[in-house]
Amino acid sequence: MDSNQGENLGQKIQKLRKEKGLSQDELARKADIPYTTLTKIEIGVIKKPSVFAVAKIAEALDVSLDQLISNQ
């Protein structure tokens, strides 16, 4: 993932989270990842999150990993 894609991923997670009506805290708990990790991914501080964290987020958002990381 390049840094641009990292920002896109964070924005995509934030958009999907808001569409599902979840707060950052609710999504972090549902995905079983630290709240601070989620917030850093969303704002682009963590540009290359682990595949495990992204997979947990995708599952919590009820989307496939491919849907989450695709550029579409």
C-alpha atoms as a PDB file:
ATOM      1  CA  MET A   1       0.000   0.000   0.000  1.00  0.00           C
ATOM      2  CA  ASP A   2       1.361   3.417  -0.825  1.00  0.00           C
ATOM      3  CA  SER A   3       0.657   6.368   1.462  1.00  0.00           C
ATOM      4  CA  ASN A   4      -2.095   7.663  -0.806  1.00  0.00           C
ATOM      5  CA  GLN A   5      -3.907   4.340  -0.607  1.00  0.00           C
ATOM      6  CA  GLY A   6      -3.557   4.407   3.187  1.00  0.00           C
ATOM      7  CA  GLU A   7      -5.462   7.676   3.318  1.00  0.00           C
ATOM      8  CA  ASN A   8      -8.075   6.283   0.952  1.00  0.00           C
ATOM      9  CA  LEU A   9      -8.470   3.221   3.144  1.00  0.00           C
ATOM     10  CA  GLY A  10      -8.986   5.359   6.232  1.00  0.00           C
ATOM     11  CA  GLN A  11     -11.536   7.509   4.457  1.00  0.00           C
ATOM     12  CA  LYS A  12     -13.331   4.424   3.176  1.00  0.00           C
ATOM     13  CA  ILE A  13     -13.462   2.893   6.661  1.00  0.00           C
ATOM     14  CA  GLN A  14     -14.817   6.151   8.062  1.00  0.00           C
ATOM     15  CA  LYS A  15     -17.465   6.405   5.332  1.00  0.00           C
ATOM     16  CA  LEU A  16     -18.623   2.804   5.827  1.00  0.00           C
ATOM     17  CA  ARG A  17     -18.614   3.213   9.599  1.00  0.00           C
ATOM     18  CA  LYS A  18     -20.829   6.283   9.365  1.00  0.00           C
ATOM     19  CA  GLU A  19     -23.158   4.547   6.887  1.00  0.00           C
ATOM     20  CA  LYS A  20     -23.591   1.749   9.442  1.00  0.00           C
ATOM     21  CA  GLY A  21     -24.315   4.313  12.160  1.00  0.00           C
ATOM     22  CA  LEU A  22     -21.348   3.251  14.276  1.00  0.00           C
ATOM     23  CA  SER A  23     -19.109   5.469  16.381  1.00  0.00           C
ATOM     24  CA  GLN A  24     -15.360   4.906  16.292  1.00  0.00           C
ATOM     25  CA  ASP A  25     -15.569   3.326  19.738  1.00  0.00           C
ATOM     26  CA  GLU A  26     -18.388   0.983  18.669  1.00  0.00           C
ATOM     27  CA  LEU A  27     -16.506  -0.142  15.559  1.00  0.00           C
ATOM     28  CA  ALA A  28     -13.264  -0.644  17.490  1.00  0.00           C
ATOM     29  CA  ARG A  29     -15.067  -2.823  20.033  1.00  0.00           C
ATOM     30  CA  LYS A  30     -16.910  -4.768  17.325  1.00  0.00           C
ATOM     31  CA  ALA A  31     -13.659  -5.332  15.415  1.00  0.00           C
ATOM     32  CA  ASP A  32     -11.756  -6.123  18.623  1.00  0.00           C
ATOM     33  CA  ILE A  33      -8.988  -3.628  17.865  1.00  0.00           C
ATOM     34  CA  PRO A  34      -7.760  -0.739  20.010  1.00  0.00           C
ATOM     35  CA  TYR A  35      -9.768   2.474  19.616  1.00  0.00           C
ATOM     36  CA  THR A  36      -6.553   4.427  19.058  1.00  0.00           C
ATOM     37  CA  THR A  37      -5.557   2.108  16.218  1.00  0.00           C
ATOM     38  CA  LEU A  38      -8.866   2.653  14.450  1.00  0.00           C
ATOM     39  CA  THR A  39      -8.704   6.432  14.819  1.00  0.00           C
ATOM     40  CA  LYS A  40      -5.121   6.513  13.533  1.00  0.00           C
ATOM     41  CA  ILE A  41      -6.084   4.399  10.507  1.00  0.00           C
ATOM     42  CA  GLU A  42      -9.065   6.647   9.757  1.00  0.00           C
ATOM     43  CA  ILE A  43      -7.048   9.870   9.878  1.00  0.00           C
ATOM     44  CA  GLY A  44      -4.101   8.406   7.990  1.00  0.00           C
ATOM     45  CA  VAL A  45      -1.502   8.374  10.781  1.00  0.00           C
ATOM     46  CA  ILE A  46      -1.155   4.618  10.291  1.00  0.00           C
ATOM     47  CA  LYS A  47      -0.561   4.431   6.558  1.00  0.00           C
ATOM     48  CA  LYS A  48       0.075   0.683   6.365  1.00  0.00           C
ATOM     49  CA  PRO A  49      -2.203  -1.048   8.867  1.00  0.00           C
ATOM     50  CA  SER A  50      -1.726  -4.755   9.421  1.00  0.00           C
ATOM     51  CA  VAL A  51      -3.789  -7.074   7.286  1.00  0.00           C
ATOM     52  CA  PHE A  52      -5.164  -8.571  10.508  1.00  0.00           C
ATOM     53  CA  ALA A  53      -6.513  -5.206  11.699  1.00  0.00           C
ATOM     54  CA  VAL A  54      -8.002  -4.437   8.287  1.00  0.00           C
ATOM     55  CA  ALA A  55      -9.594  -7.901   8.116  1.00  0.00           C
ATOM     56  CA  LYS A  56     -11.185  -7.398  11.558  1.00  0.00           C
ATOM     57  CA  ILE A  57     -12.501  -3.987  10.501  1.00  0.00           C
ATOM     58  CA  ALA A  58     -13.917  -5.430   7.263  1.00  0.00           C
ATOM     59  CA  GLU A  59     -15.669  -8.202   9.192  1.00  0.00           C
ATOM     60  CA  ALA A  60     -17.095  -5.718  11.713  1.00  0.00           C
ATOM     61  CA  LEU A  61     -18.382  -3.555   8.847  1.00  0.00           C
ATOM     62  CA  ASP A  62     -19.865  -6.641   7.158  1.00  0.00           C
ATOM     63  CA  VAL A  63     -17.874  -6.165   3.951  1.00  0.00           C
ATOM     64  CA  SER A  64     -15.248  -8.349   2.335  1.00  0.00           C
ATOM     65  CA  LEU A  65     -11.575  -7.532   2.688  1.00  0.00           C
ATOM     66  CA  ASP A  66     -11.449  -7.069  -1.085  1.00  0.00           C
ATOM     67  CA  GLN A  67     -14.294  -4.548  -0.996  1.00  0.00           C
ATOM     68  CA  LEU A  68     -12.565  -2.600   1.740  1.00  0.00           C
ATOM     69  CA  ILE A  69      -9.143  -2.385   0.128  1.00  0.00           C
ATOM     70  CA  SER A  70     -10.237  -1.964  -3.491  1.00  0.00           C
ATOM     71  CA  ASN A  71      -9.799   1.480  -5.021  1.00  0.00           C
ATOM     72  CA  GLN A  72     -13.393   1.633  -6.214  1.00  0.00           C
END
